[in-house]
Protein backbone atom coordinates (compact mmCIF):
# COMPACT_ATOMS: atom_id res chain seq x y z
CA MET A 1 -0.03 -0.08 -0.08
CA THR A 2 1.14 3.42 -0.83
CA MET A 3 1.17 5.76 2.07
CA PRO A 4 -1.49 8.29 1.52
CA ALA A 5 0.00 12.14 -0.01
CA ASP A 6 -1.25 13.80 3.33
CA LEU A 7 0.23 11.58 5.68
CA GLU A 8 2.99 14.31 7.38
CA THR A 9 -0.23 16.77 7.30
CA ASP A 10 -2.53 14.64 8.92
CA ALA A 11 0.47 13.63 11.28
CA ALA A 12 0.98 17.11 12.24
CA ARG A 13 -2.21 17.92 13.07
CA LEU A 14 -2.64 14.85 15.48
CA ARG A 15 0.36 15.39 16.95
CA GLU A 16 -0.41 19.29 17.75
CA ALA A 17 -3.72 17.87 19.16
CA MET A 18 -1.98 15.29 21.53
CA ALA A 19 0.39 18.18 22.66
CA LYS A 20 -2.38 20.45 23.62
CA ALA A 21 -3.99 17.44 25.35
CA LEU A 22 -0.69 16.89 27.55
CA ALA A 23 -0.11 20.37 28.08
CA GLU A 24 -3.82 20.85 29.45
CA ASP A 25 -3.29 17.79 31.80
CA GLY A 26 0.02 19.57 33.15
CA VAL A 27 2.43 17.19 31.47
CA LEU A 28 3.97 19.81 29.38
CA ALA A 29 4.62 22.53 31.51
CA ASP A 30 7.98 22.67 30.56
CA PRO A 31 8.02 24.62 27.14
CA GLY A 32 11.00 22.84 26.05
CA TRP A 33 9.65 19.53 26.11
CA ARG A 34 6.55 20.80 24.58
CA ALA A 35 8.24 21.87 21.70
CA ALA A 36 9.79 18.60 21.23
CA VAL A 37 6.59 16.90 21.39
CA GLU A 38 5.14 19.25 18.87
CA LYS A 39 8.33 18.44 16.53
CA VAL A 40 9.13 14.85 16.83
CA PRO A 41 7.23 12.44 14.59
CA ARG A 42 5.81 9.09 16.39
CA HIS A 43 4.19 7.83 13.83
CA ARG A 44 7.98 7.44 12.04
CA PHE A 45 9.18 5.16 15.14
CA VAL A 46 5.87 2.90 15.39
CA PRO A 47 5.72 1.28 11.82
CA GLY A 48 3.56 -1.53 13.34
CA PHE A 49 2.33 -2.28 16.58
CA TYR A 50 -0.64 -4.54 18.85
CA LEU A 51 -3.63 -3.34 20.14
CA PRO A 52 -5.58 -5.60 22.56
CA ALA A 53 -8.94 -6.65 20.97
CA ASP A 54 -12.22 -5.80 22.86
CA GLY A 55 -12.74 -9.85 24.50
CA LEU A 56 -10.31 -12.33 25.42
CA ASP A 57 -10.31 -15.80 23.49
CA GLY A 58 -11.83 -19.15 24.41
CA GLN A 59 -8.70 -20.04 26.56
CA GLY A 60 -8.97 -16.18 28.82
CA LEU A 61 -6.09 -14.91 26.75
CA THR A 62 -5.67 -11.10 25.24
CA VAL A 63 -6.03 -10.96 21.67
CA TRP A 64 -3.58 -9.05 20.03
CA GLU A 65 -4.19 -7.41 16.89
CA PRO A 66 -1.74 -6.00 14.86
CA VAL A 67 -1.66 -2.86 13.55
CA THR A 68 0.06 -1.37 10.34
CA ALA A 69 -0.48 1.89 7.73
CA GLU A 70 -1.34 -1.15 5.35
CA LEU A 71 -4.18 -2.72 7.67
CA ASP A 72 -5.56 0.32 9.10
CA TYR A 73 -4.17 3.36 8.03
CA GLY A 74 -6.53 5.92 10.31
CA ARG A 75 -6.41 3.45 13.67
CA TRP A 76 -2.32 2.90 13.25
CA LEU A 77 -2.08 6.89 12.53
CA ALA A 78 -4.50 7.71 15.68
CA ALA A 79 -3.12 5.34 17.90
CA ALA A 80 0.56 6.66 17.39
CA TYR A 81 -0.83 9.79 18.61
CA SER A 82 -3.09 9.22 21.49
CA ASP A 83 -0.97 8.74 24.81
CA THR A 84 -0.68 4.84 24.75
CA THR A 85 1.92 2.69 25.51
CA LEU A 86 2.05 0.75 21.75
CA ILE A 87 3.38 -2.97 22.07
CA THR A 88 5.95 -3.58 19.48
CA GLN A 89 7.02 -7.43 20.71
CA PHE A 90 6.28 -10.40 22.48
CA ASP A 91 8.30 -12.92 24.20
CA GLY A 92 11.54 -11.40 22.44
CA ASP A 93 10.54 -12.83 19.06
CA GLU A 94 10.68 -10.03 16.57
CA PRO A 95 7.13 -9.58 14.32
CA ASP A 96 7.03 -10.17 10.21
CA TRP A 97 5.36 -6.50 9.97
CA LYS A 98 4.82 -7.50 6.32
CA GLN A 99 2.53 -10.10 7.34
CA PRO A 100 1.69 -9.91 10.89
CA ALA A 101 -0.49 -11.95 12.52
CA VAL A 102 -2.82 -11.96 15.59
CA ARG A 103 -1.26 -13.15 18.72
CA HIS A 104 -3.21 -14.69 21.77
CA GLY A 105 -1.55 -14.17 25.02
CA GLY A 106 2.30 -13.58 25.38
CA ALA A 107 4.51 -11.32 27.56
CA PRO A 108 5.37 -7.82 25.92
CA THR A 109 9.10 -7.66 25.69
CA SER A 110 9.17 -4.51 23.62
CA SER A 111 7.02 -0.98 23.31
CA SER A 112 6.64 2.10 22.83
CA THR A 113 5.88 4.20 25.99
CA LEU A 114 3.07 6.49 26.39
CA PRO A 115 4.16 9.54 25.67
CA SER A 116 3.43 11.41 28.70
CA LEU A 117 5.02 8.85 30.74
CA VAL A 118 8.17 9.38 28.61
CA VAL A 119 8.01 13.29 29.21
CA ARG A 120 7.53 12.82 32.61
CA MET A 121 10.53 10.46 33.04
CA TRP A 122 12.80 13.30 31.45
CA ALA A 123 11.15 15.96 33.72
CA ASP A 124 11.44 13.73 36.68
CA ALA A 125 14.71 13.27 36.22
CA ASP A 126 15.54 17.15 36.22
CA VAL A 127 16.93 16.84 32.59
CA GLN A 128 18.21 20.51 31.39
CA GLU A 129 20.24 21.48 28.27
CA GLY A 130 23.93 20.99 28.33
CA HIS A 131 23.41 17.80 30.59
CA THR A 132 24.84 14.72 29.21
CA VAL A 133 22.26 11.61 29.28
CA LEU A 134 22.37 8.06 29.24
CA GLU A 135 18.92 6.42 28.44
CA ILE A 136 18.51 2.19 29.17
CA GLY A 137 16.12 0.99 26.79
CA THR A 138 15.93 2.59 23.08
CA GLY A 139 13.02 0.58 22.05
CA THR A 140 11.32 1.87 19.37
CA GLY A 141 13.57 5.30 20.14
CA TYR A 142 10.55 7.63 19.94
CA SER A 143 11.82 8.72 23.52
CA THR A 144 15.45 8.87 22.38
CA ALA A 145 14.31 11.66 19.66
CA LEU A 146 12.80 13.51 22.17
CA ALA A 147 15.87 13.97 23.97
CA CYS A 148 17.97 14.79 21.13
CA GLU A 149 15.40 17.17 20.16
CA ARG A 150 15.40 19.13 23.53
CA LEU A 151 19.35 18.32 24.41
CA GLY A 152 20.98 17.60 21.22
CA SER A 153 22.09 14.63 19.81
CA ALA A 154 25.67 14.82 21.06
CA ASP A 155 24.78 14.94 24.52
CA VAL A 156 22.52 11.92 24.30
CA THR A 157 23.59 7.79 24.25
CA SER A 158 20.87 5.08 24.39
CA ILE A 159 21.61 1.39 24.81
CA GLU A 160 19.41 -1.12 23.81
CA VAL A 161 19.67 -5.14 24.58
CA ASP A 162 17.91 -6.57 21.69
CA PRO A 163 19.88 -5.59 18.12
CA HIS A 164 17.00 -5.62 16.18
CA ARG A 165 15.04 -3.47 17.91
CA LEU A 166 17.85 -0.90 18.37
CA GLU A 167 18.60 -1.36 14.49
CA GLN A 168 14.83 -0.17 13.75
CA ALA A 169 15.07 2.75 16.19
CA ALA A 170 18.60 3.78 14.60
CA SER A 171 16.48 3.59 11.29
CA ALA A 172 13.85 5.87 12.47
CA LEU A 173 16.41 8.33 14.35
CA TYR A 174 18.62 8.78 11.45
CA GLY A 175 15.92 9.19 8.99
CA CYS A 176 14.39 12.10 10.98
CA GLY A 177 17.95 13.60 11.42
CA TYR A 178 18.72 12.62 14.72
CA THR A 179 22.56 11.09 15.57
CA PRO A 180 22.47 10.22 19.04
CA THR A 181 25.05 7.48 20.27
CA LEU A 182 24.00 3.90 20.21
CA ALA A 183 24.76 0.75 20.81
CA VAL A 184 23.48 -2.94 21.86
CA ALA A 185 24.47 -3.68 25.65
CA ASP A 186 22.82 -4.69 28.50
CA GLY A 187 21.52 -1.49 31.03
CA LEU A 188 22.69 -3.67 34.02
CA TYR A 189 26.25 -2.27 32.95
CA GLY A 190 25.41 1.07 31.98
CA TYR A 191 27.94 2.19 29.28
CA TRP A 192 31.33 2.91 29.89
CA PRO A 193 32.86 4.10 26.86
CA GLU A 194 30.69 7.60 27.34
CA ALA A 195 30.55 7.82 30.71
CA LYS A 196 30.15 9.79 32.96
CA PHE A 197 26.79 11.05 33.02
CA ASP A 198 24.72 14.17 34.36
CA ARG A 199 21.31 11.93 33.99
CA ILE A 200 20.84 8.30 33.89
CA VAL A 201 17.16 7.35 32.51
CA ALA A 202 15.96 3.52 32.49
CA ALA A 203 13.27 2.61 30.50
CA CYS A 204 12.89 -0.69 32.03
CA SER A 205 12.88 -1.92 35.26
CA PHE A 206 15.67 -3.44 37.91
CA ARG A 207 15.41 -5.96 40.92
CA ALA A 208 18.00 -3.65 42.29
CA VAL A 209 20.09 -0.30 41.49
CA PRO A 210 23.00 -1.91 39.37
CA PRO A 211 26.41 -0.70 40.78
CA ALA A 212 27.83 0.47 37.62
CA LEU A 213 25.23 3.23 36.76
CA LEU A 214 26.19 4.55 40.36
CA ALA A 215 29.78 4.69 38.93
CA GLN A 216 29.30 6.01 35.64
CA ALA A 217 27.02 9.18 36.97
CA ARG A 218 29.17 12.25 37.96
CA PRO A 219 28.94 13.24 41.55
CA GLY A 220 25.69 15.11 42.15
CA GLY A 221 24.03 13.58 38.99
CA LYS A 222 20.79 11.89 39.09
CA ILE A 223 19.61 8.51 38.46
CA LEU A 224 15.71 7.45 37.39
CA LEU A 225 14.76 3.92 37.14
CA THR A 226 12.17 1.78 38.10
CA LEU A 227 12.52 -0.99 40.91
CA SER A 228 10.36 -4.33 40.48
CA GLY A 229 10.92 -7.98 41.43
CA TRP A 230 9.04 -11.25 41.05
CA LEU A 231 5.90 -10.28 42.43
CA TYR A 232 5.13 -7.33 40.04
CA GLY A 233 5.80 -4.53 42.51
CA TYR A 234 7.37 -1.22 41.48
CA ALA A 235 8.81 1.92 42.56
CA ARG A 236 9.84 4.51 40.56
CA VAL A 237 13.23 6.05 42.56
CA LEU A 238 15.17 9.36 41.71
CA LEU A 239 18.65 9.05 42.96
CA THR A 240 21.43 11.46 43.52
CA VAL A 241 24.75 10.18 43.42
CA ASN A 242 27.49 11.47 45.91
CA GLY A 243 30.99 11.36 45.37
CA ASP A 244 31.87 8.26 47.44
CA GLY A 245 30.38 5.47 45.61
CA THR A 246 26.93 5.95 47.66
CA ALA A 247 23.47 7.24 46.46
CA GLU A 248 20.35 8.53 48.29
CA GLY A 249 17.16 9.48 46.93
CA ARG A 250 13.40 9.01 47.32
CA LEU A 251 10.44 6.79 45.79
CA LEU A 252 8.02 8.92 43.68
CA PRO A 253 4.37 8.89 43.72
CA GLY A 254 1.94 6.69 41.16
CA THR A 255 1.64 3.84 39.38
CA VAL A 256 4.14 3.63 36.75
CA SER A 257 5.41 0.03 35.52
CA PHE A 258 8.15 -0.78 33.21
CA MET A 259 9.23 -4.44 31.62
CA SER A 260 11.90 -5.93 33.53
CA ALA A 261 15.32 -5.48 32.17
CA ARG A 262 15.63 -9.20 30.67
CA THR A 263 18.31 -10.35 32.87
CA HIS A 264 16.22 -9.66 35.87
CA ALA A 265 13.02 -11.51 34.75
CA ALA A 266 11.60 -14.03 37.02
CA PRO A 267 12.59 -17.40 36.45
CA ALA A 268 10.15 -20.22 35.65
CA PHE A 269 8.90 -21.99 39.08
CA GLY A 270 7.13 -25.35 37.86
CA ASN A 271 3.80 -26.49 39.21
CA PRO A 272 2.34 -24.57 41.87
CA ALA A 273 0.83 -28.34 43.29
CA HIS A 274 4.43 -29.67 43.42
CA TRP A 275 5.06 -27.23 45.73
CA ALA A 276 2.07 -27.17 47.67
CA ALA A 277 2.08 -30.89 48.07
CA GLY A 278 5.21 -30.37 50.70
CA LEU A 279 3.43 -28.27 53.00
CA PRO A 280 1.70 -28.81 55.88
CA GLU A 281 -1.68 -30.72 56.35
CA THR A 282 -3.30 -27.89 58.26
CA GLY A 283 -2.41 -23.91 58.51
CA ARG A 284 -3.51 -20.99 60.70
CA ALA A 285 -5.84 -17.85 59.95
CA ALA A 286 -4.17 -15.14 57.80
CA ARG A 287 -3.99 -11.78 59.53
CA HIS A 288 -3.98 -10.44 56.24
CA SER A 289 -5.93 -10.97 53.03
CA PRO A 290 -3.86 -11.48 49.84
CA GLU A 291 -6.06 -9.02 48.55
CA ARG A 292 -3.80 -6.41 50.56
CA ILE A 293 -1.34 -6.87 47.56
CA THR A 294 -3.50 -7.95 44.50
CA ALA A 295 -6.35 -5.62 44.55
CA GLY A 296 -6.27 -3.14 41.50
CA THR A 297 -5.58 -0.42 44.01
CA GLU A 298 -3.11 2.46 44.07
CA GLU A 299 -2.53 1.25 47.62
CA ALA A 300 -2.25 -2.38 46.93
CA PHE A 301 0.16 -1.36 43.84
CA HIS A 302 2.56 0.54 46.91
CA LEU A 303 1.93 -2.73 49.19
CA ARG A 304 3.29 -4.98 46.66
CA PHE A 305 6.47 -3.44 46.60
CA LEU A 306 6.87 -3.23 50.31
CA ALA A 307 6.09 -7.10 50.08
CA GLN A 308 8.58 -7.95 47.91
CA CYS A 309 11.04 -6.04 49.92
CA ALA A 310 10.37 -8.52 52.95
CA VAL A 311 10.34 -11.60 50.08
CA PRO A 312 12.78 -10.58 47.21
CA ASP A 313 12.62 -13.95 45.91
CA ALA A 314 8.84 -14.94 45.92
CA GLN A 315 6.61 -15.27 43.07
CA THR A 316 3.09 -15.61 43.49
CA THR A 317 0.30 -17.26 41.32
CA THR A 318 -3.45 -18.18 41.95
CA VAL A 319 -4.89 -21.50 40.97
CA GLY A 320 -8.60 -21.77 41.39
CA GLU A 321 -9.17 -19.71 44.72
CA VAL A 322 -6.03 -20.86 46.22
CA VAL A 323 -2.85 -18.40 46.14
CA HIS A 324 0.52 -19.78 45.68
CA LEU A 325 3.87 -18.25 46.97
CA VAL A 326 7.19 -19.78 45.88
CA ASP A 327 10.50 -18.78 46.41
CA VAL A 328 13.07 -20.75 44.19
CA VAL A 329 16.13 -19.77 45.62
CA THR A 330 15.39 -20.71 49.33
CA GLY A 331 12.82 -23.87 48.61
CA SER A 332 9.83 -22.43 50.69
CA ALA A 333 6.48 -21.94 49.66
CA ALA A 334 3.05 -20.85 51.16
CA THR A 335 -0.45 -21.37 49.96
CA LEU A 336 -3.54 -18.75 51.09
CA THR A 337 -7.20 -20.98 50.99
CA PRO A 338 -10.34 -18.86 51.43
CA ILE A 339 -12.18 -20.60 53.80
CA GLU A 340 -15.77 -19.01 54.83
CA ASP A 341 -15.27 -15.64 55.80
CA ARG A 342 -11.01 -15.96 56.33
CA TRP A 343 -7.95 -17.32 54.75
CA GLU A 344 -5.88 -20.29 55.82
CA VAL A 345 -1.98 -20.13 55.27
CA ARG A 346 0.07 -23.24 55.08
CA GLU A 347 3.70 -22.38 54.84
CA GLY A 348 6.93 -24.26 54.52
CA GLY A 349 10.64 -24.19 53.89
CA PRO A 350 13.44 -21.92 55.51
CA VAL A 351 11.12 -18.64 55.17
CA ARG A 352 7.79 -18.22 56.18
CA LEU A 353 6.76 -16.41 53.42
CA TRP A 354 3.65 -14.86 54.12
CA GLU A 355 4.62 -14.42 57.62
CA ARG A 356 7.07 -11.91 56.66
CA ILE A 357 4.66 -10.42 54.12
CA GLU A 358 2.08 -9.97 57.44
CA ARG A 359 4.58 -8.23 59.52
CA VAL A 360 5.19 -5.78 56.63
CA LEU A 361 1.45 -5.03 55.98
CA SER A 362 0.78 -4.81 59.86
CA ALA A 363 3.84 -2.46 60.08
CA TYR A 364 2.34 -0.26 57.58
CA ASP A 365 -0.76 -0.03 59.13
CA GLU A 366 0.46 0.77 62.49
CA ALA A 367 2.78 3.46 61.00
CA ASP A 368 -0.75 5.25 59.66
CA ARG A 369 -0.32 3.67 55.90
CA PRO A 370 2.54 5.84 54.65
CA GLY A 371 2.91 6.87 51.06
CA PRO A 372 5.45 5.74 48.58
CA GLU A 373 7.05 9.85 48.67
CA THR A 374 7.53 9.42 52.35
CA PHE A 375 9.97 6.53 52.12
CA THR A 376 13.81 6.97 50.74
CA LEU A 377 16.40 4.68 49.05
CA HIS A 378 19.87 4.57 50.42
CA VAL A 379 22.60 2.55 48.21
CA TYR A 380 26.19 1.77 49.06
CA ASP A 381 28.83 -0.79 48.75
CA GLY A 382 27.30 -4.30 49.95
CA GLY A 383 23.64 -3.39 49.64
CA GLN A 384 20.55 -1.09 49.28
CA HIS A 385 18.19 -0.55 51.97
CA LEU A 386 14.19 1.03 51.78
CA ARG A 387 13.97 3.34 54.85
CA HIS A 388 10.74 4.88 56.56
CA PRO A 389 11.03 6.84 59.78
CA HIS A 390 8.27 4.76 61.30
CA LEU A 391 9.17 1.26 59.72
CA PRO A 392 12.19 -0.68 60.23
CA GLY A 393 14.60 -0.97 57.12
CA LEU A 394 13.68 -3.01 54.27
CA PRO A 395 16.74 -4.60 52.67
CA LEU A 396 16.47 -4.56 48.74
CA PRO A 397 18.45 -7.50 47.33
CA ARG A 398 21.98 -6.67 45.31
CA PRO A 399 21.56 -7.03 41.78
């Protein structure tokens, strides 16, 4: 299919409307970032992506429909200039966008993050003209282009672990006239050839702050990243790097989540029934319901991260009505089963998983349920700790 002759006109109109809407929502308070959003053609960076269908398939899986200009020009262009995350890859498999197929389920492994969050990230990291920046997770290259438009390409370095993704991003960036430093590299180790940086911003999540990032940031520099883990708890952290190899910062409010860095993804843990088979036949009444950390609320989002700090190697899954917790590192497991108006807990192994989580939940309630912005993160040689004046120190795992 030949692109419509008025593609760039259509795109400019939609881009202006998107920028205006983001400004009205307070996202583009900085005129420099607004100008970048008005200039960068997002459609050039997303020639193909997936959008969810209205319903699930017969197995309860999300149906992902491919969207390209050839398949549906109007839908493609409208989505490109919507404040929406556009999934571009599942399970690490690069799609054939010339003959894309509908997908059923799968784990997203690359995307074009919604524009409001991209701008929010750069703004939260206090990125200003004259700063040298390392972006971890080039993805489609759209976020990189915004940084280049605002700062100039010479001050922007962006790395991506997936060579196919980077190749496509580089083509789009160069085609638009942006020439940042690009490299295929694992964000866990930063990018030494271009260090040191004034700002490091990660568009993926880590189980803990990688030490290499602290070493590659200038004293007084800032690192913005998302901490996550195997319970899928998330917290965005803004750190200021000291000159002695340590850093301090705070958690930021909100419910932002990012795909895990591939080296920090959760391992497969096998059949939950096998883990449950070794647990005691009788249990105890749970002091807290699992819904405290699984509900679709902002507080549950925050609590899931705090629970994850207490049991950093635990994973969870629900089979029927039974919630399973599994720790592949220590061999510990737990189940929570609803019985009438309570939950029964059975636990086994060296770590009492749900008991540890209950301690955090009880301490959180006793501290009057503090929000994420009241927590600080301290990173030093040998460990990282989340702290709050009314809660005990919560250790985070080393990378």
